[in-house]
Amino acid sequence: MSSENPFAHLTFEEALHELEKVVQQLETGKLTLQESLDHYARGKQLLLRCQEALQAAEEQLLRIEQLTNTSALSEFTAPPDGDAPPV
């Protein structure tokens, strides 16, 4: 099996939709053993694609959070004399 995921080009939503179809087919119990193994392998690759997409989204959110927290905190730094601004 290749180390590159053949589903890397799919969006999260596309991969999730395909994964749901694989699971439904597996749940029917009508597949041969080999078909079940093939579907399982396909499902694992789709699951990895979903996890990669979610991880990328989480990293993007963390970067956004860092950018917004840094700029927001700079607006509320204490004055040099240590006195807090009035509320």
C-alpha atoms as a PDB file:
ATOM      1  CA  MET A   1       0.000   0.000   0.000  1.00  0.00           C
ATOM      2  CA  SER A   2       1.310   3.459  -0.913  1.00  0.00           C
ATOM      3  CA  SER A   3       2.106   5.872   1.895  1.00  0.00           C
ATOM      4  CA  GLU A   4       0.304   8.677   0.053  1.00  0.00           C
ATOM      5  CA  ASN A   5      -3.412   8.868   0.722  1.00  0.00           C
ATOM      6  CA  PRO A   6      -5.339   8.537  -2.557  1.00  0.00           C
ATOM      7  CA  PHE A   7      -8.070  10.687  -1.027  1.00  0.00           C
ATOM      8  CA  ALA A   8      -5.836  13.664  -0.155  1.00  0.00           C
ATOM      9  CA  HIS A   9      -7.555  15.743  -2.848  1.00  0.00           C
ATOM     10  CA  LEU A  10     -10.990  15.399  -1.203  1.00  0.00           C
ATOM     11  CA  THR A  11     -12.440  18.071   1.032  1.00  0.00           C
ATOM     12  CA  PHE A  12     -13.428  17.094   4.549  1.00  0.00           C
ATOM     13  CA  GLU A  13     -17.086  16.968   3.549  1.00  0.00           C
ATOM     14  CA  GLU A  14     -16.417  14.809   0.491  1.00  0.00           C
ATOM     15  CA  ALA A  15     -14.262  12.371   2.462  1.00  0.00           C
ATOM     16  CA  LEU A  16     -16.828  12.175   5.245  1.00  0.00           C
ATOM     17  CA  HIS A  17     -19.623  11.495   2.758  1.00  0.00           C
ATOM     18  CA  GLU A  18     -17.597   8.702   1.138  1.00  0.00           C
ATOM     19  CA  LEU A  19     -16.757   7.279   4.571  1.00  0.00           C
ATOM     20  CA  GLU A  20     -20.443   7.215   5.492  1.00  0.00           C
ATOM     21  CA  LYS A  21     -21.178   5.270   2.305  1.00  0.00           C
ATOM     22  CA  VAL A  22     -18.431   2.754   3.110  1.00  0.00           C
ATOM     23  CA  VAL A  23     -19.791   2.246   6.615  1.00  0.00           C
ATOM     24  CA  GLN A  24     -23.323   1.737   5.296  1.00  0.00           C
ATOM     25  CA  GLN A  25     -22.091  -0.881   2.842  1.00  0.00           C
ATOM     26  CA  LEU A  26     -20.133  -2.678   5.555  1.00  0.00           C
ATOM     27  CA  GLU A  27     -23.151  -2.650   7.865  1.00  0.00           C
ATOM     28  CA  THR A  28     -25.334  -4.458   5.311  1.00  0.00           C
ATOM     29  CA  GLY A  29     -23.413  -7.675   5.906  1.00  0.00           C
ATOM     30  CA  LYS A  30     -23.823  -8.537   2.229  1.00  0.00           C
ATOM     31  CA  LEU A  31     -20.193  -8.110   1.212  1.00  0.00           C
ATOM     32  CA  THR A  32     -17.794 -10.976   0.722  1.00  0.00           C
ATOM     33  CA  LEU A  33     -14.822 -11.199   3.041  1.00  0.00           C
ATOM     34  CA  GLN A  34     -12.520  -9.692   0.421  1.00  0.00           C
ATOM     35  CA  GLU A  35     -15.000  -6.894  -0.333  1.00  0.00           C
ATOM     36  CA  SER A  36     -15.263  -6.188   3.385  1.00  0.00           C
ATOM     37  CA  LEU A  37     -11.487  -5.985   3.685  1.00  0.00           C
ATOM     38  CA  ASP A  38     -11.288  -3.670   0.677  1.00  0.00           C
ATOM     39  CA  HIS A  39     -14.036  -1.446   2.091  1.00  0.00           C
ATOM     40  CA  TYR A  40     -12.328  -1.402   5.479  1.00  0.00           C
ATOM     41  CA  ALA A  41      -9.025  -0.304   3.893  1.00  0.00           C
ATOM     42  CA  ARG A  42     -10.847   2.399   1.918  1.00  0.00           C
ATOM     43  CA  GLY A  43     -12.617   3.537   5.069  1.00  0.00           C
ATOM     44  CA  LYS A  44      -9.317   3.793   6.974  1.00  0.00           C
ATOM     45  CA  GLN A  45      -7.857   6.004   4.241  1.00  0.00           C
ATOM     46  CA  LEU A  46     -10.972   8.172   4.211  1.00  0.00           C
ATOM     47  CA  LEU A  47     -10.858   8.437   7.999  1.00  0.00           C
ATOM     48  CA  LEU A  48      -7.216   9.532   7.823  1.00  0.00           C
ATOM     49  CA  ARG A  49      -8.162  12.196   5.277  1.00  0.00           C
ATOM     50  CA  CYS A  50     -10.909  13.468   7.594  1.00  0.00           C
ATOM     51  CA  GLN A  51      -8.483  13.565  10.515  1.00  0.00           C
ATOM     52  CA  GLU A  52      -5.900  15.443   8.434  1.00  0.00           C
ATOM     53  CA  ALA A  53      -8.507  18.007   7.397  1.00  0.00           C
ATOM     54  CA  LEU A  54      -9.675  18.468  10.986  1.00  0.00           C
ATOM     55  CA  GLN A  55      -6.099  18.844  12.205  1.00  0.00           C
ATOM     56  CA  ALA A  56      -5.404  21.476   9.541  1.00  0.00           C
ATOM     57  CA  ALA A  57      -8.550  23.349  10.570  1.00  0.00           C
ATOM     58  CA  GLU A  58      -7.554  23.181  14.228  1.00  0.00           C
ATOM     59  CA  GLU A  59      -4.088  24.540  13.426  1.00  0.00           C
ATOM     60  CA  GLN A  60      -5.665  27.362  11.446  1.00  0.00           C
ATOM     61  CA  LEU A  61      -7.950  28.200  14.375  1.00  0.00           C
ATOM     62  CA  LEU A  62      -4.989  28.230  16.751  1.00  0.00           C
ATOM     63  CA  ARG A  63      -3.093  30.625  14.461  1.00  0.00           C
ATOM     64  CA  ILE A  64      -6.133  32.898  14.291  1.00  0.00           C
ATOM     65  CA  GLU A  65      -6.511  32.702  18.051  1.00  0.00           C
ATOM     66  CA  GLN A  66      -2.855  33.597  18.568  1.00  0.00           C
ATOM     67  CA  LEU A  67      -3.116  36.555  16.208  1.00  0.00           C
ATOM     68  CA  THR A  68      -6.280  37.910  17.771  1.00  0.00           C
ATOM     69  CA  ASN A  69      -5.138  37.345  21.359  1.00  0.00           C
ATOM     70  CA  THR A  70      -1.810  39.048  20.773  1.00  0.00           C
ATOM     71  CA  SER A  71      -3.348  42.130  19.203  1.00  0.00           C
ATOM     72  CA  ALA A  72      -6.205  42.231  21.710  1.00  0.00           C
ATOM     73  CA  LEU A  73      -3.821  41.934  24.653  1.00  0.00           C
ATOM     74  CA  SER A  74      -1.642  44.771  23.394  1.00  0.00           C
ATOM     75  CA  GLU A  75      -4.637  47.100  23.726  1.00  0.00           C
ATOM     76  CA  PHE A  76      -4.978  46.244  27.416  1.00  0.00           C
ATOM     77  CA  THR A  77      -1.418  46.351  28.677  1.00  0.00           C
ATOM     78  CA  ALA A  78      -0.922  48.084  31.998  1.00  0.00           C
ATOM     79  CA  PRO A  79       0.508  51.601  31.903  1.00  0.00           C
ATOM     80  CA  PRO A  80       4.235  51.900  32.742  1.00  0.00           C
ATOM     81  CA  ASP A  81       3.536  53.079  36.296  1.00  0.00           C
ATOM     82  CA  GLY A  82       1.656  49.823  37.022  1.00  0.00           C
ATOM     83  CA  ASP A  83      -1.725  51.462  37.686  1.00  0.00           C
ATOM     84  CA  ALA A  84      -4.619  49.737  36.003  1.00  0.00           C
ATOM     85  CA  PRO A  85      -6.871  51.922  33.865  1.00  0.00           C
ATOM     86  CA  PRO A  86     -10.212  52.822  35.433  1.00  0.00           C
ATOM     87  CA  VAL A  87     -13.077  50.470  34.686  1.00  0.00           C
END
